[in-house]
């Protein structure tokens, strides 16, 4: 996925025009970072700090997804959000 795809997802799921910190926006940004680090680690297999960072980001995203699942969402459902990001449940 490219930069424009993530920007369109952020526009779709943000709460208002200046929203940069809501849970869905943070999950989208973390997903983008995870994919970037994954591509980096395919080339640089021995980059231990990057591996550690990747694991921390994945754990953070998992926590945010768990929180988002408990929230009552008005604009969209949790399943729609997961499907838009191409994540497994």
Protein backbone atom coordinates (compact mmCIF):
# COMPACT_ATOMS: atom_id res chain seq x y z
CA UNK A 1 0.00 0.00 0.00
CA UNK A 2 1.22 3.45 -0.77
CA UNK A 3 1.14 6.80 1.03
CA UNK A 4 -2.03 7.97 -0.74
CA UNK A 5 -3.93 4.89 0.42
CA UNK A 6 -3.11 5.62 4.07
CA UNK A 7 -3.99 9.30 3.65
CA UNK A 8 -7.39 8.32 2.26
CA UNK A 9 -7.94 5.93 5.18
CA UNK A 10 -7.06 8.67 7.65
CA UNK A 11 -9.52 11.04 5.94
CA UNK A 12 -12.20 8.37 6.11
CA UNK A 13 -11.77 7.38 9.76
CA UNK A 14 -10.71 10.61 11.48
CA UNK A 15 -13.13 12.41 13.76
CA UNK A 16 -12.57 15.91 12.34
CA UNK A 17 -10.24 17.80 9.99
CA UNK A 18 -7.51 18.35 12.61
CA UNK A 19 -7.66 14.86 14.13
CA UNK A 20 -4.23 13.27 14.46
CA UNK A 21 -4.51 11.41 17.75
CA UNK A 22 -7.70 9.39 17.77
CA UNK A 23 -7.38 5.64 18.08
CA UNK A 24 -8.21 4.79 14.43
CA UNK A 25 -5.72 7.35 13.11
CA UNK A 26 -3.00 6.04 15.41
CA UNK A 27 -3.70 2.46 14.32
CA UNK A 28 -3.42 3.48 10.66
CA UNK A 29 -0.10 5.24 11.29
CA UNK A 30 1.24 2.26 13.25
CA UNK A 31 0.19 -0.11 10.47
CA UNK A 32 2.02 2.04 7.92
CA UNK A 33 5.15 2.01 10.10
CA UNK A 34 4.92 -1.77 10.59
CA UNK A 35 4.85 -2.35 6.85
CA UNK A 36 7.83 -0.01 6.36
CA UNK A 37 9.87 -1.82 9.01
CA UNK A 38 8.90 -5.20 7.58
CA UNK A 39 10.21 -4.19 4.16
CA UNK A 40 13.40 -2.88 5.78
CA UNK A 41 13.94 -6.12 7.67
CA UNK A 42 13.56 -8.19 4.50
CA UNK A 43 16.74 -6.51 3.26
CA UNK A 44 18.55 -5.96 6.57
CA UNK A 45 17.94 -9.25 8.36
CA UNK A 46 20.42 -8.61 11.17
CA UNK A 47 19.11 -5.18 12.20
CA UNK A 48 18.23 -6.08 15.79
CA UNK A 49 17.11 -2.58 16.90
CA UNK A 50 14.64 -2.48 14.00
CA UNK A 51 13.30 -5.91 14.98
CA UNK A 52 12.81 -4.74 18.55
CA UNK A 53 11.07 -1.58 17.37
CA UNK A 54 8.82 -3.63 15.10
CA UNK A 55 7.77 -5.88 17.99
CA UNK A 56 7.03 -2.86 20.19
CA UNK A 57 4.93 -1.22 17.48
CA UNK A 58 2.99 -4.45 16.83
CA UNK A 59 2.25 -4.76 20.56
CA UNK A 60 1.11 -1.14 20.71
CA UNK A 61 -1.18 -1.59 17.71
CA UNK A 62 -2.62 -4.74 19.27
CA UNK A 63 -3.45 -2.77 22.41
CA UNK A 64 -5.12 0.00 20.39
CA UNK A 65 -7.13 -2.55 18.38
CA UNK A 66 -8.30 -4.21 21.58
CA UNK A 67 -9.38 -0.82 22.94
CA UNK A 68 -11.12 0.12 19.70
CA UNK A 69 -13.09 -3.12 19.76
CA UNK A 70 -14.59 -2.18 23.15
CA UNK A 71 -15.64 1.30 22.00
CA UNK A 72 -19.03 2.17 20.58
CA UNK A 73 -18.30 3.50 17.10
CA UNK A 74 -20.79 5.75 15.35
CA UNK A 75 -19.44 6.19 11.80
CA UNK A 76 -18.28 2.63 11.07
CA UNK A 77 -17.95 -0.81 12.59
CA UNK A 78 -14.82 -2.44 13.93
CA UNK A 79 -15.01 -5.05 11.15
CA UNK A 80 -15.13 -2.36 8.45
CA UNK A 81 -12.03 -0.75 9.94
CA UNK A 82 -10.12 -4.05 10.06
CA UNK A 83 -11.12 -4.84 6.48
CA UNK A 84 -10.02 -1.40 5.26
CA UNK A 85 -6.55 -1.98 6.75
CA UNK A 86 -6.35 -5.55 5.39
CA UNK A 87 -5.71 -6.97 8.85
CA UNK A 88 -6.69 -10.36 10.20
CA UNK A 89 -9.19 -10.45 13.05
